[in-house]
Amino acid sequence: MRWMMTLTAVAALAASSYACGSSSPASPSGSGTLNLRITDSPYSDAKALLVTFSEVTAHKSETEGRTTVAFAGGATTRTCDLKKLQSGAQDILGVGTLPAGHYTMVRLVVSSASLYFDNASDGPACAATIAAPAGRNAALSIPSGEVKLNREFDVAASGSTTMLIDFDGDRSVVELGNGGYRMTPVIGVLSVQ
């Protein structure tokens, strides 16, 4: 009988401890939207600078992994002419539904980039593909196409978060001694709302 009373007391203590909130906090449920917008302070020595992004992911933490942010229009890549994104102009890079919660980083992958010296590109600033303008051009080597933006932000359930990033063309593109060009993407976060 004494054994049964002890077991009942332990069970009651565990139940009261759980009810008082000593359990781990529940993660937010639901999902919200992340709108990733891009602007530029462009590379000044060209008429067009086409940059193709192949992946955008948002990270909650290293242990919780990452969530892919879809490109606008559902394309598998997104190309932007950075020359069309200067003087305050901006366009959508990605928009996607993410699980609600606190995020610590956005990761971008740049798969290719090219300079065009003679002519500007036609069409929108960003699209699934942009036709290459005629004239002199140079492909850019990209030693590390991965850019990590360590900026914390929250995505609220049924809410929308907008992050504006700035791709700095002048600081990203370097002319090499052999006449070639290299891109080391320099991208900063201007705002999160």
C-alpha atoms as a PDB file:
ATOM      1  CA  MET A   1       0.000   0.000   0.000  1.00  0.00           C
ATOM      2  CA  ARG A   2       2.833   2.372   0.871  1.00  0.00           C
ATOM      3  CA  TRP A   3       4.401   1.606  -2.493  1.00  0.00           C
ATOM      4  CA  MET A   4       1.137   2.544  -4.300  1.00  0.00           C
ATOM      5  CA  MET A   5       0.926   5.881  -2.415  1.00  0.00           C
ATOM      6  CA  THR A   6       4.523   6.729  -3.354  1.00  0.00           C
ATOM      7  CA  LEU A   7       3.855   5.985  -7.023  1.00  0.00           C
ATOM      8  CA  THR A   8       0.700   8.156  -6.961  1.00  0.00           C
ATOM      9  CA  ALA A   9       2.637  11.044  -5.360  1.00  0.00           C
ATOM     10  CA  VAL A  10       5.402  10.836  -7.992  1.00  0.00           C
ATOM     11  CA  ALA A  11       2.812  10.840 -10.797  1.00  0.00           C
ATOM     12  CA  ALA A  12       1.009  13.843  -9.292  1.00  0.00           C
ATOM     13  CA  LEU A  13       4.303  15.732  -8.936  1.00  0.00           C
ATOM     14  CA  ALA A  14       5.225  15.047 -12.577  1.00  0.00           C
ATOM     15  CA  ALA A  15       1.780  16.169 -13.776  1.00  0.00           C
ATOM     16  CA  SER A  16       1.941  19.393 -11.754  1.00  0.00           C
ATOM     17  CA  SER A  17       5.472  20.118 -13.011  1.00  0.00           C
ATOM     18  CA  TYR A  18       4.278  19.725 -16.617  1.00  0.00           C
ATOM     19  CA  ALA A  19       1.190  21.900 -15.993  1.00  0.00           C
ATOM     20  CA  CYS A  20       3.337  24.687 -14.508  1.00  0.00           C
ATOM     21  CA  GLY A  21       5.221  25.080 -17.754  1.00  0.00           C
ATOM     22  CA  SER A  22       8.504  23.389 -16.999  1.00  0.00           C
ATOM     23  CA  SER A  23       8.307  21.515 -20.280  1.00  0.00           C
ATOM     24  CA  SER A  24      10.180  22.800 -23.326  1.00  0.00           C
ATOM     25  CA  PRO A  25       8.403  25.546 -25.262  1.00  0.00           C
ATOM     26  CA  ALA A  26       6.381  24.520 -28.264  1.00  0.00           C
ATOM     27  CA  SER A  27       7.602  25.712 -31.623  1.00  0.00           C
ATOM     28  CA  PRO A  28       5.313  28.073 -33.522  1.00  0.00           C
ATOM     29  CA  SER A  29       2.815  26.318 -35.724  1.00  0.00           C
ATOM     30  CA  GLY A  30       1.574  27.397 -39.083  1.00  0.00           C
ATOM     31  CA  SER A  31       3.419  29.117 -41.883  1.00  0.00           C
ATOM     32  CA  GLY A  32       4.060  32.557 -43.293  1.00  0.00           C
ATOM     33  CA  THR A  33       5.557  34.117 -46.405  1.00  0.00           C
ATOM     34  CA  LEU A  34       9.076  35.358 -47.086  1.00  0.00           C
ATOM     35  CA  ASN A  35       9.445  37.888 -49.916  1.00  0.00           C
ATOM     36  CA  LEU A  36      13.084  38.286 -50.942  1.00  0.00           C
ATOM     37  CA  ARG A  37      13.654  41.453 -52.976  1.00  0.00           C
ATOM     38  CA  ILE A  38      16.881  42.562 -54.666  1.00  0.00           C
ATOM     39  CA  THR A  39      18.376  45.949 -55.548  1.00  0.00           C
ATOM     40  CA  ASP A  40      21.866  46.936 -56.683  1.00  0.00           C
ATOM     41  CA  SER A  41      24.629  49.434 -56.662  1.00  0.00           C
ATOM     42  CA  PRO A  42      25.829  48.087 -60.022  1.00  0.00           C
ATOM     43  CA  TYR A  43      29.094  47.455 -61.765  1.00  0.00           C
ATOM     44  CA  SER A  44      29.702  50.765 -63.521  1.00  0.00           C
ATOM     45  CA  ASP A  45      31.917  49.607 -66.440  1.00  0.00           C
ATOM     46  CA  ALA A  46      29.266  47.631 -68.337  1.00  0.00           C
ATOM     47  CA  LYS A  47      25.814  48.141 -69.884  1.00  0.00           C
ATOM     48  CA  ALA A  48      24.448  44.847 -68.484  1.00  0.00           C
ATOM     49  CA  LEU A  49      25.500  42.494 -65.690  1.00  0.00           C
ATOM     50  CA  LEU A  50      23.449  39.299 -65.816  1.00  0.00           C
ATOM     51  CA  VAL A  51      23.619  37.187 -62.670  1.00  0.00           C
ATOM     52  CA  THR A  52      21.865  33.809 -62.433  1.00  0.00           C
ATOM     53  CA  PHE A  53      20.824  32.474 -59.035  1.00  0.00           C
ATOM     54  CA  SER A  54      20.265  28.716 -58.740  1.00  0.00           C
ATOM     55  CA  GLU A  55      19.153  28.399 -55.110  1.00  0.00           C
ATOM     56  CA  VAL A  56      17.834  30.427 -52.181  1.00  0.00           C
ATOM     57  CA  THR A  57      17.362  28.858 -48.754  1.00  0.00           C
ATOM     58  CA  ALA A  58      16.338  30.159 -45.332  1.00  0.00           C
ATOM     59  CA  HIS A  59      17.879  28.584 -42.224  1.00  0.00           C
ATOM     60  CA  LYS A  60      16.268  28.345 -38.791  1.00  0.00           C
ATOM     61  CA  SER A  61      19.485  27.035 -37.278  1.00  0.00           C
ATOM     62  CA  GLU A  62      22.223  24.559 -38.148  1.00  0.00           C
ATOM     63  CA  THR A  63      20.361  21.800 -36.314  1.00  0.00           C
ATOM     64  CA  GLU A  64      16.928  22.518 -37.762  1.00  0.00           C
ATOM     65  CA  GLY A  65      18.117  22.653 -41.363  1.00  0.00           C
ATOM     66  CA  ARG A  66      17.015  24.840 -44.210  1.00  0.00           C
ATOM     67  CA  THR A  67      13.917  25.549 -46.249  1.00  0.00           C
ATOM     68  CA  THR A  68      14.075  26.343 -49.966  1.00  0.00           C
ATOM     69  CA  VAL A  69      12.596  29.677 -51.009  1.00  0.00           C
ATOM     70  CA  ALA A  70      11.018  29.353 -54.441  1.00  0.00           C
ATOM     71  CA  PHE A  71      12.030  31.716 -57.207  1.00  0.00           C
ATOM     72  CA  ALA A  72       9.365  34.141 -58.390  1.00  0.00           C
ATOM     73  CA  GLY A  73       7.172  32.476 -60.998  1.00  0.00           C
ATOM     74  CA  GLY A  74       8.213  28.984 -59.841  1.00  0.00           C
ATOM     75  CA  ALA A  75      11.283  28.835 -62.128  1.00  0.00           C
ATOM     76  CA  THR A  76      14.285  26.650 -61.262  1.00  0.00           C
ATOM     77  CA  THR A  77      16.690  29.601 -61.672  1.00  0.00           C
ATOM     78  CA  ARG A  78      16.309  33.378 -61.665  1.00  0.00           C
ATOM     79  CA  THR A  79      18.462  35.789 -63.663  1.00  0.00           C
ATOM     80  CA  CYS A  80      18.731  39.482 -62.821  1.00  0.00           C
ATOM     81  CA  ASP A  81      20.312  42.302 -64.809  1.00  0.00           C
ATOM     82  CA  LEU A  82      21.872  44.247 -61.969  1.00  0.00           C
ATOM     83  CA  LYS A  83      22.185  47.379 -64.125  1.00  0.00           C
ATOM     84  CA  LYS A  84      18.374  47.611 -64.110  1.00  0.00           C
ATOM     85  CA  LEU A  85      18.254  47.473 -60.323  1.00  0.00           C
ATOM     86  CA  GLN A  86      20.056  50.721 -59.529  1.00  0.00           C
ATOM     87  CA  SER A  87      18.790  54.079 -58.216  1.00  0.00           C
ATOM     88  CA  GLY A  88      16.293  52.462 -55.862  1.00  0.00           C
ATOM     89  CA  ALA A  89      14.790  50.020 -58.381  1.00  0.00           C
ATOM     90  CA  GLN A  90      14.086  46.543 -57.006  1.00  0.00           C
ATOM     91  CA  ASP A  91      12.594  43.263 -58.121  1.00  0.00           C
ATOM     92  CA  ILE A  92      11.494  39.981 -56.555  1.00  0.00           C
ATOM     93  CA  LEU A  93      14.179  37.319 -56.319  1.00  0.00           C
ATOM     94  CA  GLY A  94      12.180  34.719 -54.417  1.00  0.00           C
ATOM     95  CA  VAL A  95       8.910  34.313 -52.586  1.00  0.00           C
ATOM     96  CA  GLY A  96       7.866  31.296 -50.615  1.00  0.00           C
ATOM     97  CA  THR A  97       5.937  29.808 -47.766  1.00  0.00           C
ATOM     98  CA  LEU A  98       8.089  28.992 -44.737  1.00  0.00           C
ATOM     99  CA  PRO A  99       7.247  27.343 -41.438  1.00  0.00           C
ATOM    100  CA  ALA A 100       6.601  30.056 -38.857  1.00  0.00           C
ATOM    101  CA  GLY A 101       9.521  30.735 -36.541  1.00  0.00           C
ATOM    102  CA  HIS A 102      12.833  32.461 -36.010  1.00  0.00           C
ATOM    103  CA  TYR A 103      15.402  32.284 -38.836  1.00  0.00           C
ATOM    104  CA  THR A 104      19.108  33.035 -38.588  1.00  0.00           C
ATOM    105  CA  MET A 105      20.330  33.155 -42.189  1.00  0.00           C
ATOM    106  CA  VAL A 106      19.493  33.302 -45.884  1.00  0.00           C
ATOM    107  CA  ARG A 107      21.822  31.487 -48.299  1.00  0.00           C
ATOM    108  CA  LEU A 108      22.070  32.358 -52.001  1.00  0.00           C
ATOM    109  CA  VAL A 109      23.829  30.389 -54.725  1.00  0.00           C
ATOM    110  CA  VAL A 110      25.068  32.293 -57.794  1.00  0.00           C
ATOM    111  CA  SER A 111      25.595  29.827 -60.639  1.00  0.00           C
ATOM    112  CA  SER A 112      26.765  32.169 -63.423  1.00  0.00           C
ATOM    113  CA  ALA A 113      27.371  35.804 -64.296  1.00  0.00           C
ATOM    114  CA  SER A 114      28.356  37.739 -67.430  1.00  0.00           C
ATOM    115  CA  LEU A 115      29.230  41.326 -68.305  1.00  0.00           C
ATOM    116  CA  TYR A 116      27.971  42.998 -71.507  1.00  0.00           C
ATOM    117  CA  PHE A 117      29.845  46.127 -72.546  1.00  0.00           C
ATOM    118  CA  ASP A 118      28.074  47.406 -75.683  1.00  0.00           C
ATOM    119  CA  ASN A 119      24.325  46.999 -75.170  1.00  0.00           C
ATOM    120  CA  ALA A 120      21.761  46.832 -72.387  1.00  0.00           C
ATOM    121  CA  SER A 121      19.498  43.807 -72.019  1.00  0.00           C
ATOM    122  CA  ASP A 122      15.846  43.856 -73.085  1.00  0.00           C
ATOM    123  CA  GLY A 123      12.920  43.029 -70.845  1.00  0.00           C
ATOM    124  CA  PRO A 124      12.456  43.032 -67.084  1.00  0.00           C
ATOM    125  CA  ALA A 125      15.184  43.397 -64.467  1.00  0.00           C
ATOM    126  CA  CYS A 126      14.663  39.796 -63.242  1.00  0.00           C
ATOM    127  CA  ALA A 127      13.132  36.786 -64.991  1.00  0.00           C
ATOM    128  CA  ALA A 128      13.524  33.031 -65.352  1.00  0.00           C
ATOM    129  CA  THR A 129      15.887  33.813 -68.252  1.00  0.00           C
ATOM    130  CA  ILE A 130      17.129  37.026 -69.869  1.00  0.00           C
ATOM    131  CA  ALA A 131      18.427  37.056 -73.432  1.00  0.00           C
ATOM    132  CA  ALA A 132      22.080  38.052 -73.723  1.00  0.00           C
ATOM    133  CA  PRO A 133      22.565  41.435 -75.404  1.00  0.00           C
ATOM    134  CA  ALA A 134      24.662  41.639 -78.575  1.00  0.00           C
ATOM    135  CA  GLY A 135      28.228  42.889 -78.537  1.00  0.00           C
ATOM    136  CA  ARG A 136      31.356  42.459 -76.434  1.00  0.00           C
ATOM    137  CA  ASN A 137      30.907  40.352 -73.328  1.00  0.00           C
ATOM    138  CA  ALA A 138      32.883  38.521 -70.682  1.00  0.00           C
ATOM    139  CA  ALA A 139      31.923  35.555 -68.540  1.00  0.00           C
ATOM    140  CA  LEU A 140      32.821  35.947 -64.888  1.00  0.00           C
ATOM    141  CA  SER A 141      34.588  33.188 -62.991  1.00  0.00           C
ATOM    142  CA  ILE A 142      32.907  32.617 -59.628  1.00  0.00           C
ATOM    143  CA  PRO A 143      35.256  30.954 -57.110  1.00  0.00           C
ATOM    144  CA  SER A 144      32.564  30.693 -54.450  1.00  0.00           C
ATOM    145  CA  GLY A 145      29.050  31.255 -55.648  1.00  0.00           C
ATOM    146  CA  GLU A 146      27.602  30.746 -52.198  1.00  0.00           C
ATOM    147  CA  VAL A 147      26.650  33.812 -50.170  1.00  0.00           C
ATOM    148  CA  LYS A 148      25.435  33.550 -46.574  1.00  0.00           C
ATOM    149  CA  LEU A 149      23.468  36.501 -45.213  1.00  0.00           C
ATOM    150  CA  ASN A 150      23.652  36.188 -41.444  1.00  0.00           C
ATOM    151  CA  ARG A 151      20.608  38.279 -40.585  1.00  0.00           C
ATOM    152  CA  GLU A 152      18.041  37.066 -38.100  1.00  0.00           C
ATOM    153  CA  PHE A 153      14.356  37.493 -38.874  1.00  0.00           C
ATOM    154  CA  ASP A 154      10.990  36.079 -37.879  1.00  0.00           C
ATOM    155  CA  VAL A 155       8.242  34.618 -40.021  1.00  0.00           C
ATOM    156  CA  ALA A 156       4.865  34.858 -38.298  1.00  0.00           C
ATOM    157  CA  ALA A 157       2.076  32.357 -38.876  1.00  0.00           C
ATOM    158  CA  SER A 158      -0.211  33.772 -41.588  1.00  0.00           C
ATOM    159  CA  GLY A 159       2.133  36.788 -41.838  1.00  0.00           C
ATOM    160  CA  SER A 160       4.509  38.151 -44.441  1.00  0.00           C
ATOM    161  CA  THR A 161       8.173  39.143 -44.015  1.00  0.00           C
ATOM    162  CA  THR A 162      10.025  41.138 -46.679  1.00  0.00           C
ATOM    163  CA  MET A 163      13.827  41.171 -46.877  1.00  0.00           C
ATOM    164  CA  LEU A 164      15.556  43.631 -49.234  1.00  0.00           C
ATOM    165  CA  ILE A 165      19.085  42.669 -50.258  1.00  0.00           C
ATOM    166  CA  ASP A 166      21.676  44.784 -52.080  1.00  0.00           C
ATOM    167  CA  PHE A 167      24.006  43.123 -54.594  1.00  0.00           C
ATOM    168  CA  ASP A 168      27.033  45.439 -54.786  1.00  0.00           C
ATOM    169  CA  GLY A 169      28.215  45.052 -58.395  1.00  0.00           C
ATOM    170  CA  ASP A 170      31.230  47.381 -58.103  1.00  0.00           C
ATOM    171  CA  ARG A 171      32.624  45.494 -55.105  1.00  0.00           C
ATOM    172  CA  SER A 172      31.685  42.053 -56.488  1.00  0.00           C
ATOM    173  CA  VAL A 173      33.388  42.248 -59.898  1.00  0.00           C
ATOM    174  CA  VAL A 174      37.176  42.391 -60.254  1.00  0.00           C
ATOM    175  CA  GLU A 175      39.096  42.732 -63.515  1.00  0.00           C
ATOM    176  CA  LEU A 176      42.035  40.324 -63.550  1.00  0.00           C
ATOM    177  CA  GLY A 177      45.495  41.024 -64.988  1.00  0.00           C
ATOM    178  CA  ASN A 178      44.927  38.535 -67.819  1.00  0.00           C
ATOM    179  CA  GLY A 179      41.910  40.443 -69.161  1.00  0.00           C
ATOM    180  CA  GLY A 180      39.375  38.153 -67.502  1.00  0.00           C
ATOM    181  CA  TYR A 181      36.895  38.964 -64.752  1.00  0.00           C
ATOM    182  CA  ARG A 182      36.063  37.339 -61.436  1.00  0.00           C
ATOM    183  CA  MET A 183      32.983  37.718 -59.276  1.00  0.00           C
ATOM    184  CA  THR A 184      33.019  37.321 -55.549  1.00  0.00           C
ATOM    185  CA  PRO A 185      29.415  38.248 -54.670  1.00  0.00           C
ATOM    186  CA  VAL A 186      29.121  41.025 -52.087  1.00  0.00           C
ATOM    187  CA  ILE A 187      25.515  41.113 -50.913  1.00  0.00           C
ATOM    188  CA  GLY A 188      24.132  42.889 -47.866  1.00  0.00           C
ATOM    189  CA  VAL A 189      20.739  43.048 -46.183  1.00  0.00           C
ATOM    190  CA  LEU A 190      19.260  46.555 -46.390  1.00  0.00           C
ATOM    191  CA  SER A 191      16.045  45.912 -44.479  1.00  0.00           C
ATOM    192  CA  VAL A 192      13.728  43.292 -42.997  1.00  0.00           C
ATOM    193  CA  GLN A 193      10.077  44.196 -42.483  1.00  0.00           C
END
